[in-house]
């Protein structure tokens, strides 16, 4: 796929977009997988770049995102989707708890992904960010939703920490996590 000069074609002119820019994420991933399967050097380089990308974790950014996700849950959704239905009764407190857990799930998945790839320090950083975000919700939340989940933040905080402890395979990290919890979460320190 070379141009007249034997080199790769030059980037599109201003105002025109590249085919790559128009691909969906799943299409781009499929192309990357095909390239990696065809060329061992591309595969190695893609894996190095992926690990570097996954290693760029800032717990404070994760904490902000978790807090915003939790604080952004609309209490109206609890009201509209709970109570009597034609199929029975949906408890509003139970629904609120489920909504809280759903909001955390994408962040937990990232922590689990790091563990699966043996990126234990990165999994720890994800966990720290999640814990901080939950704690900030407990302390700083401004939404009415918080009134429907009074015990849920602390319970989820403990569950997230426990899950991380179960999946962690680096024996040096629990001490770091214990110090982090003790120094940052005085209301919930065990």
Protein backbone atom coordinates (compact mmCIF):
# COMPACT_ATOMS: atom_id res chain seq x y z
CA UNK A 1 0.00 0.00 0.00
CA UNK A 2 2.61 2.47 -1.05
CA UNK A 3 2.22 5.61 -3.10
CA UNK A 4 4.11 6.60 -6.27
CA UNK A 5 7.31 7.22 -4.34
CA UNK A 6 7.37 3.73 -2.79
CA UNK A 7 6.61 5.18 0.62
CA UNK A 8 3.43 5.16 2.61
CA UNK A 9 0.85 7.67 1.44
CA UNK A 10 1.00 11.05 3.06
CA UNK A 11 -1.70 11.99 5.56
CA UNK A 12 -4.93 13.29 4.08
CA UNK A 13 -5.12 16.95 3.15
CA UNK A 14 -6.66 19.39 5.60
CA UNK A 15 -10.40 18.95 5.80
CA UNK A 16 -10.27 15.29 4.77
CA UNK A 17 -10.27 12.62 7.41
CA UNK A 18 -8.29 9.41 7.45
CA UNK A 19 -10.09 6.08 7.16
CA UNK A 20 -8.66 5.14 10.57
CA UNK A 21 -10.28 8.16 12.17
CA UNK A 22 -13.66 7.02 10.92
CA UNK A 23 -13.46 3.50 12.37
CA UNK A 24 -15.45 2.51 15.42
CA UNK A 25 -13.43 1.30 18.41
CA UNK A 26 -14.35 -2.32 17.68
CA UNK A 27 -13.30 -1.97 14.03
CA UNK A 28 -9.98 -0.43 15.08
CA UNK A 29 -9.41 -3.24 17.56
CA UNK A 30 -10.10 -5.84 14.88
CA UNK A 31 -7.56 -4.22 12.55
CA UNK A 32 -4.97 -4.07 15.34
CA UNK A 33 -5.51 -7.77 16.09
CA UNK A 34 -5.10 -8.68 12.42
CA UNK A 35 -1.89 -6.65 12.15
CA UNK A 36 -0.54 -8.23 15.34
CA UNK A 37 -1.34 -11.73 14.05
CA UNK A 38 0.47 -11.00 10.77
CA UNK A 39 3.61 -9.44 12.24
CA UNK A 40 5.37 -10.51 15.45
CA UNK A 41 7.10 -7.12 15.78
CA UNK A 42 3.77 -5.29 15.63
CA UNK A 43 2.35 -7.74 18.17
CA UNK A 44 5.25 -7.16 20.58
CA UNK A 45 5.10 -3.39 20.17
CA UNK A 46 1.31 -3.32 20.61
CA UNK A 47 1.63 -5.34 23.83
CA UNK A 48 4.31 -3.00 25.16
CA UNK A 49 2.18 0.05 24.35
CA UNK A 50 -0.91 -1.57 25.90
CA UNK A 51 0.96 -2.31 29.14
CA UNK A 52 2.31 1.24 29.23
CA UNK A 53 -1.17 2.60 28.67
CA UNK A 54 -2.65 0.41 31.42
CA UNK A 55 0.15 1.46 33.76
CA UNK A 56 -0.70 5.15 33.48
CA UNK A 57 -3.01 5.19 36.47
CA UNK A 58 -3.73 8.17 38.67
CA UNK A 59 -5.78 7.25 41.75
CA UNK A 60 -6.91 10.87 42.17
CA UNK A 61 -8.40 10.88 38.67
CA UNK A 62 -10.17 7.58 39.35
CA UNK A 63 -11.44 8.96 42.67
CA UNK A 64 -12.85 12.02 40.90
CA UNK A 65 -14.57 9.84 38.31
CA UNK A 66 -16.02 7.48 40.93
CA UNK A 67 -17.26 10.41 43.02
CA UNK A 68 -18.86 12.10 40.00
CA UNK A 69 -20.49 8.83 38.91
CA UNK A 70 -21.97 8.24 42.35
CA UNK A 71 -22.94 11.85 43.00
CA UNK A 72 -24.54 12.01 39.55
CA UNK A 73 -27.06 9.26 40.23
CA UNK A 74 -30.50 10.82 40.05
CA UNK A 75 -32.74 10.13 43.03
CA UNK A 76 -35.67 10.47 40.64
CA UNK A 77 -34.56 7.20 39.03
CA UNK A 78 -35.00 5.51 42.39
CA UNK A 79 -38.45 7.01 42.80
CA UNK A 80 -39.58 6.18 39.26
CA UNK A 81 -38.33 2.60 39.24
CA UNK A 82 -39.26 1.45 42.73
CA UNK A 83 -42.49 0.73 44.56
CA UNK A 84 -45.36 -1.29 43.23
CA UNK A 85 -45.09 -2.69 39.75
CA UNK A 86 -47.22 -5.16 37.87
CA UNK A 87 -44.61 -7.79 38.77
CA UNK A 88 -44.47 -7.09 42.49
CA UNK A 89 -42.72 -4.59 44.73
CA UNK A 90 -39.27 -3.09 44.26
CA UNK A 91 -37.81 -1.74 47.46
CA UNK A 92 -36.38 1.76 46.85
CA UNK A 93 -33.46 1.23 49.23
CA UNK A 94 -32.54 -2.03 47.54
CA UNK A 95 -32.79 -0.38 44.12
CA UNK A 96 -30.61 2.52 45.30
CA UNK A 97 -28.02 0.04 46.55
CA UNK A 98 -28.06 -1.76 43.20
CA UNK A 99 -27.64 1.55 41.37
CA UNK A 100 -24.66 2.43 43.58
CA UNK A 101 -23.02 -0.91 42.83
CA UNK A 102 -23.73 -0.56 39.10
CA UNK A 103 -21.97 2.81 39.09
CA UNK A 104 -18.87 1.20 40.65
CA UNK A 105 -18.74 -1.80 38.32
CA UNK A 106 -16.73 -0.24 35.44
CA UNK A 107 -14.02 0.83 37.88
CA UNK A 108 -13.93 -2.60 39.49
CA UNK A 109 -13.61 -4.15 36.04
CA UNK A 110 -10.51 -2.04 35.39
CA UNK A 111 -9.02 -3.21 38.70
CA UNK A 112 -9.79 -6.83 37.79
CA UNK A 113 -8.30 -6.37 34.32
CA UNK A 114 -5.03 -5.18 35.83
CA UNK A 115 -4.98 -8.19 38.12
CA UNK A 116 -5.67 -10.56 35.22
CA UNK A 117 -2.67 -9.07 33.39
CA UNK A 118 -0.49 -9.44 36.54
CA UNK A 119 -0.33 -5.66 36.90
CA UNK A 120 -0.70 -5.87 40.67
CA UNK A 121 0.58 -2.39 41.50
CA UNK A 122 -1.80 -0.93 38.94
CA UNK A 123 -4.69 -2.94 40.43
CA UNK A 124 -3.74 -1.47 43.81
CA UNK A 125 -3.83 2.05 42.37
CA UNK A 126 -7.26 1.42 40.88
CA UNK A 127 -8.46 0.14 44.24
CA UNK A 128 -7.10 3.22 46.01
CA UNK A 129 -8.92 5.50 43.57
CA UNK A 130 -12.18 3.59 43.98
CA UNK A 131 -11.92 3.69 47.77
CA UNK A 132 -11.19 7.42 47.73
CA UNK A 133 -14.14 8.06 45.41
CA UNK A 134 -16.54 6.10 47.62
CA UNK A 135 -15.28 7.88 50.72
CA UNK A 136 -15.62 11.28 49.06
CA UNK A 137 -19.21 10.41 48.16
CA UNK A 138 -19.90 9.62 51.81
CA UNK A 139 -18.32 12.88 52.99
CA UNK A 140 -18.99 15.36 50.16
CA UNK A 141 -22.07 14.18 48.25
CA UNK A 142 -24.59 16.86 47.43
CA UNK A 143 -27.29 14.70 45.86
CA UNK A 144 -30.52 13.51 47.42
CA UNK A 145 -29.52 10.03 46.31
CA UNK A 146 -27.13 9.89 49.27
CA UNK A 147 -30.12 9.75 51.64
CA UNK A 148 -31.20 6.45 50.07
CA UNK A 149 -27.84 4.73 50.51
CA UNK A 150 -26.82 5.59 54.07
CA UNK A 151 -24.90 2.37 54.81
CA UNK A 152 -24.10 1.44 51.23
CA UNK A 153 -20.90 3.50 50.75
CA UNK A 154 -19.16 2.01 53.79
CA UNK A 155 -20.31 -1.51 52.90
CA UNK A 156 -19.08 -1.14 49.34
CA UNK A 157 -15.83 0.40 50.54
CA UNK A 158 -15.22 -2.72 52.62
CA UNK A 159 -16.26 -5.05 49.78
CA UNK A 160 -13.92 -3.35 47.29
CA UNK A 161 -11.03 -3.54 49.74
CA UNK A 162 -11.79 -7.19 50.49
CA UNK A 163 -11.99 -8.06 46.79
CA UNK A 164 -8.64 -6.40 46.16
CA UNK A 165 -7.10 -8.32 49.06
CA UNK A 166 -8.38 -11.59 47.58
CA UNK A 167 -7.05 -10.97 44.08
CA UNK A 168 -3.73 -9.35 45.04
CA UNK A 169 -0.73 -11.62 44.41
CA UNK A 170 2.05 -9.22 45.41
CA UNK A 171 2.93 -9.76 49.09
CA UNK A 172 4.47 -6.29 49.40
CA UNK A 173 1.26 -4.43 48.59
CA UNK A 174 -1.09 -5.14 51.55
CA UNK A 175 1.09 -3.10 53.91
CA UNK A 176 0.96 -0.14 51.49
CA UNK A 177 -2.81 -0.49 51.25
CA UNK A 178 -3.18 -0.67 55.04
CA UNK A 179 -1.17 2.54 55.44
CA UNK A 180 -3.25 4.22 52.74
CA UNK A 181 -6.52 3.26 54.45
CA UNK A 182 -5.32 4.28 57.91
CA UNK A 183 -4.06 7.65 56.79
CA UNK A 184 -6.96 8.62 54.48
CA UNK A 185 -10.19 7.24 55.85
CA UNK A 186 -10.38 8.06 59.54
CA UNK A 187 -14.17 7.68 59.63
CA UNK A 188 -13.95 4.13 58.38
CA UNK A 189 -10.57 2.97 59.60
CA UNK A 190 -10.87 -0.55 60.96
